[in-house]
Protein backbone atom coordinates (compact mmCIF):
# COMPACT_ATOMS: atom_id res chain seq x y z
CA MET A 1 -15.88 5.58 -7.67
CA CYS A 2 -19.11 7.15 -9.05
CA GLY A 3 -18.12 10.48 -7.50
CA LEU A 4 -18.43 9.15 -3.96
CA GLU A 5 -16.06 10.25 -1.21
CA LEU A 6 -14.06 7.23 -0.04
CA PRO A 7 -13.01 6.62 3.58
CA VAL A 8 -9.37 7.50 4.29
CA ASP A 9 -6.86 5.52 6.36
CA SER A 10 -3.12 6.12 6.50
CA ASN A 11 -2.46 2.36 6.64
CA LEU A 12 -4.17 1.74 3.29
CA ILE A 13 -1.31 1.10 0.87
CA VAL A 14 -3.28 0.15 -2.26
CA GLY A 15 -6.92 1.18 -2.50
CA LEU A 16 -9.58 2.32 -4.96
CA ASP A 17 -7.70 5.51 -5.81
CA ARG A 18 -5.65 3.50 -8.33
CA ALA A 19 -6.61 0.45 -10.34
CA ASP A 20 -4.74 -2.62 -9.17
CA ASP A 21 -5.46 -6.32 -8.71
CA ALA A 22 -6.29 -6.16 -4.99
CA GLY A 23 -6.39 -3.88 -1.98
CA VAL A 24 -3.48 -3.84 0.49
CA TYR A 25 -3.68 -2.69 4.11
CA LYS A 26 -0.69 -2.35 6.42
CA VAL A 27 -1.11 -4.14 9.77
CA THR A 28 2.42 -3.84 11.15
CA ASP A 29 5.80 -2.75 9.81
CA ASP A 30 6.32 -6.34 8.61
CA ILE A 31 2.82 -7.49 7.65
CA ALA A 32 0.18 -6.22 5.25
CA ILE A 33 -2.99 -7.99 4.21
CA ILE A 34 -4.11 -8.33 0.59
CA GLN A 35 -7.88 -8.47 0.04
CA THR A 36 -9.79 -9.38 -3.08
CA LEU A 37 -12.96 -11.11 -4.23
CA ASP A 38 -14.23 -12.56 -7.49
CA PHE A 39 -17.19 -14.67 -8.56
CA PHE A 40 -19.03 -15.46 -11.79
CA THR A 41 -21.55 -17.71 -13.52
CA PRO A 42 -20.54 -21.19 -14.80
CA ILE A 43 -18.31 -21.21 -17.87
CA VAL A 44 -18.06 -25.01 -18.16
CA ASP A 45 -20.75 -27.64 -17.67
CA ASP A 46 -18.83 -29.72 -15.13
CA PRO A 47 -19.72 -28.38 -11.64
CA TYR A 48 -16.49 -29.63 -10.05
CA GLY A 49 -14.39 -28.03 -12.79
CA PHE A 50 -16.32 -24.78 -12.47
CA GLY A 51 -15.61 -24.71 -8.73
CA GLN A 52 -11.90 -25.21 -9.34
CA ILE A 53 -11.76 -22.50 -11.99
CA ALA A 54 -13.66 -19.95 -9.91
CA ALA A 55 -11.41 -20.56 -6.89
CA ALA A 56 -8.19 -20.37 -8.94
CA ASN A 57 -9.39 -17.16 -10.54
CA ALA A 58 -10.16 -15.53 -7.17
CA LEU A 59 -6.83 -16.57 -5.66
CA SER A 60 -4.89 -15.20 -8.62
CA ASP A 61 -5.10 -11.54 -7.62
CA VAL A 62 -3.16 -12.24 -4.41
CA TYR A 63 -0.42 -13.99 -6.39
CA ALA A 64 -0.30 -11.06 -8.83
CA MET A 65 0.41 -8.66 -5.96
CA GLY A 66 3.34 -10.82 -4.83
CA GLY A 67 1.52 -12.18 -1.78
CA VAL A 68 0.52 -15.52 -0.30
CA PRO A 69 -3.22 -16.30 0.03
CA LYS A 70 -4.14 -17.57 3.51
CA THR A 71 -7.92 -17.50 4.09
CA ALA A 72 -11.03 -17.49 1.94
CA MET A 73 -14.82 -17.17 2.21
CA ASN A 74 -17.31 -18.67 -0.22
CA ILE A 75 -19.64 -16.47 -2.27
CA VAL A 76 -22.60 -18.52 -3.54
CA SER A 77 -25.79 -17.85 -5.46
CA PHE A 78 -27.84 -20.96 -6.21
CA PRO A 79 -31.31 -21.70 -7.67
CA ILE A 80 -32.29 -24.27 -5.05
CA LYS A 81 -35.75 -24.81 -6.58
CA GLN A 82 -34.39 -25.47 -10.08
CA MET A 83 -31.13 -27.36 -9.45
CA ASP A 84 -30.28 -30.38 -7.36
CA ILE A 85 -28.17 -29.59 -4.30
CA SER A 86 -25.63 -32.20 -5.47
CA ILE A 87 -24.55 -29.75 -8.18
CA LEU A 88 -23.69 -27.14 -5.56
CA ARG A 89 -21.89 -29.76 -3.51
CA GLN A 90 -19.61 -30.54 -6.49
CA VAL A 91 -18.95 -26.84 -7.11
CA LEU A 92 -17.95 -26.33 -3.48
CA LYS A 93 -15.79 -29.47 -3.54
CA GLY A 94 -13.94 -28.15 -6.58
CA GLY A 95 -13.30 -24.87 -4.80
CA LEU A 96 -12.20 -26.59 -1.59
CA ASP A 97 -9.77 -28.87 -3.40
CA LYS A 98 -8.19 -25.87 -5.12
CA MET A 99 -7.94 -24.02 -1.77
CA LYS A 100 -6.20 -27.04 -0.24
CA GLU A 101 -3.74 -27.05 -3.12
CA ALA A 102 -3.03 -23.38 -2.46
CA GLY A 103 -2.64 -23.90 1.31
CA VAL A 104 -5.68 -21.71 1.97
CA VAL A 105 -8.26 -22.32 4.71
CA LEU A 106 -11.96 -21.68 4.29
CA VAL A 107 -13.23 -19.55 7.18
CA GLY A 108 -16.83 -18.84 6.18
CA GLY A 109 -18.96 -17.41 3.44
CA HIS A 110 -22.46 -16.42 2.41
CA SER A 111 -25.09 -17.89 0.11
CA VAL A 112 -28.31 -16.55 -1.41
CA GLU A 113 -31.05 -18.10 -3.49
CA ASP A 114 -30.81 -16.77 -7.02
CA PRO A 115 -32.20 -17.79 -10.43
CA GLU A 116 -28.64 -18.04 -11.78
CA MET A 117 -25.82 -19.95 -10.12
CA LYS A 118 -22.70 -17.99 -9.22
CA TYR A 119 -19.63 -18.97 -7.24
CA GLY A 120 -16.37 -17.42 -6.15
CA LEU A 121 -14.25 -16.43 -3.19
CA SER A 122 -13.31 -13.51 -1.01
CA VAL A 123 -9.61 -14.01 -0.33
CA THR A 124 -7.15 -12.59 2.19
CA GLY A 125 -3.39 -12.92 1.76
CA PHE A 126 -0.22 -11.74 3.48
CA ILE A 127 2.72 -9.74 2.18
CA HIS A 128 5.54 -7.57 3.51
CA PRO A 129 4.60 -3.90 2.99
CA ASP A 130 7.88 -3.25 1.13
CA ARG A 131 7.46 -6.14 -1.32
CA ILE A 132 4.12 -5.32 -2.95
CA LEU A 133 4.05 -5.73 -6.72
CA GLU A 134 1.92 -3.04 -8.33
CA LYS A 135 0.97 -2.70 -11.98
CA LYS A 136 2.61 0.59 -12.81
CA ASN A 137 6.16 0.18 -11.48
CA LEU A 138 7.59 -0.36 -14.98
CA LYS A 139 11.30 0.05 -15.75
CA ALA A 140 12.67 0.80 -19.22
CA GLY A 141 14.13 -2.28 -20.86
CA ASP A 142 12.33 -4.77 -18.62
CA HIS A 143 11.00 -7.86 -20.34
CA LEU A 144 7.40 -9.06 -20.08
CA ILE A 145 6.75 -12.74 -19.40
CA LEU A 146 3.30 -14.28 -19.83
CA THR A 147 2.81 -17.56 -17.95
CA LYS A 148 -0.35 -19.01 -19.58
CA PRO A 149 -1.52 -19.16 -23.21
CA LEU A 150 -4.31 -16.88 -24.46
CA GLY A 151 -7.70 -17.72 -25.94
CA THR A 152 -9.88 -19.05 -23.12
CA GLY A 153 -12.69 -16.57 -23.80
CA ILE A 154 -12.99 -17.69 -27.40
CA ILE A 155 -12.81 -21.36 -26.36
CA ASN A 156 -15.54 -20.80 -23.76
CA THR A 157 -17.72 -19.25 -26.46
CA ALA A 158 -17.25 -22.38 -28.56
CA ILE A 159 -18.15 -24.51 -25.52
CA LYS A 160 -21.37 -22.56 -25.01
CA GLY A 161 -22.16 -23.03 -28.70
CA GLY A 162 -21.64 -26.78 -28.46
CA LEU A 163 -18.79 -26.67 -30.98
CA ALA A 164 -15.81 -27.51 -28.77
CA SER A 165 -14.49 -31.07 -28.67
CA ASP A 166 -14.30 -33.04 -25.43
CA SER A 167 -10.50 -32.90 -25.56
CA ILE A 168 -10.32 -29.11 -25.82
CA ILE A 169 -12.95 -28.72 -23.07
CA GLU A 170 -10.84 -30.93 -20.82
CA SER A 171 -7.57 -29.16 -21.61
CA VAL A 172 -8.92 -25.61 -21.27
CA THR A 173 -10.70 -26.52 -18.02
CA ARG A 174 -7.41 -27.83 -16.67
CA LEU A 175 -5.62 -24.66 -17.84
CA MET A 176 -8.13 -22.30 -16.18
CA ALA A 177 -8.09 -24.37 -12.98
CA THR A 178 -4.30 -24.17 -12.73
CA LEU A 179 -3.15 -21.95 -9.89
CA ASN A 180 -0.65 -19.14 -10.49
CA LYS A 181 1.04 -20.31 -7.28
CA ASP A 182 4.16 -21.80 -8.89
CA ALA A 183 4.68 -18.77 -11.12
CA ALA A 184 4.29 -16.44 -8.13
CA GLU A 185 6.80 -18.41 -6.06
CA ILE A 186 9.34 -18.41 -8.90
CA MET A 187 9.09 -14.68 -9.60
CA LEU A 188 9.87 -13.79 -5.98
CA ASN A 189 13.45 -14.94 -6.60
CA TYR A 190 14.03 -12.37 -9.35
CA PRO A 191 14.09 -8.56 -9.71
CA VAL A 192 10.42 -8.23 -10.69
CA HIS A 193 9.18 -4.65 -10.84
CA ALA A 194 5.51 -5.05 -11.75
CA CYS A 195 2.93 -7.77 -12.22
CA THR A 196 -0.72 -8.32 -13.05
CA ASP A 197 -2.92 -11.28 -13.94
CA ILE A 198 -4.74 -11.51 -17.26
CA THR A 199 -8.50 -11.79 -16.85
CA GLY A 200 -11.60 -10.03 -18.17
CA PHE A 201 -9.97 -7.05 -19.89
CA GLY A 202 -7.82 -9.31 -22.06
CA LEU A 203 -4.05 -9.11 -22.51
CA LEU A 204 -4.06 -5.64 -24.07
CA GLY A 205 -6.58 -4.28 -21.60
CA HIS A 206 -4.46 -5.30 -18.64
CA ILE A 207 -1.27 -4.06 -20.30
CA ALA A 208 -3.05 -0.73 -20.84
CA GLU A 209 -3.67 -0.51 -17.10
CA MET A 210 0.06 -0.93 -16.55
CA VAL A 211 0.95 1.74 -19.11
CA VAL A 212 -1.49 4.53 -18.14
CA ASP A 213 0.30 7.22 -16.10
CA SER A 214 3.49 5.12 -16.04
CA GLY A 215 5.56 7.32 -18.34
CA PHE A 216 6.47 4.29 -20.47
CA GLY A 217 5.25 2.39 -23.50
CA ILE A 218 5.26 -1.35 -24.12
CA GLY A 219 6.23 -3.28 -27.23
CA ILE A 220 4.64 -6.69 -27.86
CA ARG A 221 5.87 -9.33 -30.32
CA ALA A 222 2.76 -10.94 -31.80
CA ASP A 223 4.71 -13.98 -33.01
CA ALA A 224 5.94 -14.67 -29.45
CA LEU A 225 2.49 -14.90 -27.89
CA PRO A 226 1.49 -18.28 -26.47
CA ILE A 227 -1.97 -18.94 -27.95
CA ILE A 228 -4.24 -21.96 -27.67
CA PRO A 229 -4.29 -23.17 -31.32
CA GLU A 230 -8.01 -23.90 -31.29
CA ALA A 231 -8.70 -20.30 -30.25
CA LEU A 232 -7.49 -19.03 -33.62
CA GLU A 233 -9.57 -21.69 -35.36
CA TYR A 234 -12.75 -20.77 -33.48
CA ALA A 235 -12.09 -17.03 -33.89
CA GLY A 236 -11.90 -17.63 -37.63
CA MET A 237 -15.39 -19.16 -37.39
CA GLY A 238 -16.67 -15.98 -35.73
CA LEU A 239 -16.84 -17.44 -32.21
CA VAL A 240 -15.54 -14.27 -30.57
CA PRO A 241 -17.20 -13.18 -27.28
CA ALA A 242 -18.85 -9.76 -27.03
CA GLY A 243 -16.32 -8.82 -24.34
CA THR A 244 -13.55 -8.92 -26.95
CA PHE A 245 -15.17 -6.11 -28.94
CA LYS A 246 -15.84 -4.10 -25.78
CA ASN A 247 -12.21 -4.46 -24.72
CA ARG A 248 -11.02 -3.35 -28.16
CA GLU A 249 -13.35 -0.34 -28.22
CA PHE A 250 -12.20 0.78 -24.77
CA ARG A 251 -8.44 0.58 -25.40
CA GLU A 252 -7.85 0.62 -29.16
CA GLU A 253 -6.65 4.24 -29.16
CA MET A 254 -3.70 3.17 -27.00
CA VAL A 255 -2.69 0.30 -29.31
CA GLU A 256 -0.70 0.54 -32.54
CA PHE A 257 -0.78 -2.68 -34.59
CA SER A 258 1.74 -3.38 -37.31
CA SER A 259 0.10 -4.27 -40.63
CA SER A 260 1.65 -7.73 -40.29
CA VAL A 261 -0.43 -8.61 -37.20
CA ASP A 262 -3.36 -10.81 -38.28
CA ARG A 263 -6.84 -9.67 -37.20
CA LEU A 264 -7.47 -13.04 -35.52
CA VAL A 265 -4.36 -12.58 -33.38
CA GLN A 266 -5.59 -9.10 -32.50
CA ASP A 267 -8.89 -10.62 -31.38
CA VAL A 268 -7.03 -13.07 -29.14
CA MET A 269 -5.09 -10.21 -27.56
CA PHE A 270 -8.37 -8.48 -26.62
CA ASP A 271 -10.08 -11.76 -25.66
CA PRO A 272 -11.42 -11.70 -22.06
CA GLN A 273 -9.61 -14.44 -20.15
CA THR A 274 -10.83 -16.47 -17.21
CA SER A 275 -8.15 -17.38 -14.64
CA GLY A 276 -5.40 -16.34 -17.03
CA GLY A 277 -1.69 -16.28 -16.38
CA LEU A 278 0.55 -13.72 -14.71
CA LEU A 279 2.14 -10.97 -16.78
CA ILE A 280 5.50 -10.37 -15.11
CA CYS A 281 7.71 -7.33 -15.70
CA VAL A 282 11.27 -8.44 -14.88
CA ASP A 283 14.80 -7.07 -15.34
CA ARG A 284 15.92 -8.11 -18.83
CA GLN A 285 19.10 -9.80 -17.54
CA SER A 286 16.97 -12.17 -15.47
CA ALA A 287 14.22 -12.88 -18.01
CA ASP A 288 15.73 -15.93 -19.71
CA ASP A 289 16.58 -17.64 -16.43
CA MET A 290 13.10 -16.99 -15.03
CA LEU A 291 11.53 -18.27 -18.24
CA ASP A 292 13.55 -21.47 -17.96
CA LYS A 293 12.34 -22.01 -14.38
CA LEU A 294 8.71 -21.43 -15.41
CA LYS A 295 8.97 -23.89 -18.29
CA ARG A 296 10.54 -26.50 -16.03
CA LYS A 297 7.33 -26.29 -13.99
CA GLY A 298 5.35 -27.17 -17.10
CA MET A 299 4.10 -23.70 -18.00
CA ALA A 300 3.66 -22.56 -21.61
CA ALA A 301 5.36 -19.30 -20.66
CA ALA A 302 7.00 -16.87 -23.07
CA VAL A 303 8.79 -13.53 -23.20
CA ILE A 304 6.28 -11.50 -25.21
CA GLY A 305 7.70 -7.99 -25.16
CA GLU A 306 9.51 -5.23 -23.32
CA VAL A 307 9.04 -1.87 -21.64
CA LEU A 308 9.91 1.00 -23.99
CA PRO A 309 11.55 4.24 -22.81
CA GLY A 310 9.82 7.56 -23.30
CA SER A 311 6.44 8.84 -22.26
CA SER A 312 4.26 7.77 -25.20
CA GLU A 313 2.17 5.47 -22.96
CA LYS A 314 1.31 3.43 -26.06
CA ILE A 315 1.25 -0.31 -26.74
CA VAL A 316 3.01 -1.19 -29.99
CA VAL A 317 2.27 -4.67 -31.40
CA TYR A 318 4.54 -5.82 -34.21
């Protein structure tokens, strides 16, 4: 971290020395706490919807580690001289309602006056120290299941440009506000070896984090990807966020695309997601049964690829 010497503690299980979704600290032989925080500027115009999305996004990292979120603290920046306080009230209500849905209690927070509104949560969860799901614990032959469709970054760009219909705004807001709670509860009943949630680095960026130093590669079937149909339409119109190109530039050397993979689909795979789904690495014999359980809960989940043997540490998209 910028060449700084980090504090050391023997009870720190997951820290800044390796990139993962959250930090994990051992409290007792049976209990560890998961800690994470996330906040951002509004991505939809509806304050209540924004609050829900920001809360769901912050809670997601705990689910990705295999834990259960328990407490949260608000993080708020608000331009009190430019915006009516009722807007902030709706944002906070959206976050509170999502916390209640998750079974999380709000224990505090902090607010500052700022020219640009921002909202999110600092979250603490619980997990058994022996049951932590890290990104890099891949096993050859495991299947990868994605629990939410891709394309929210592109859709949000269309929303900002005033080109998205009311129906797509409503549906993508609902998608981003959906907790990964059900998916996390289902995966705990299966031999899952690794997990992450798909957010700002895009699908391929987060897969790259799983692959680096793992000794494995990953193969992705482009035709199996769940994609919001309008995302391809808007991408074809050039409504691709700047983060997509940054994600591609950062990781493109690790990715080998088959000539059959359309450029628009490639853009979707690098598209920065907000409150995206879980990417679950599960034993191949259990993948179909898990997928069935996820779909029964209403998720647009899909098996999108598998872990490849060997030490290429490449992502092959075909």
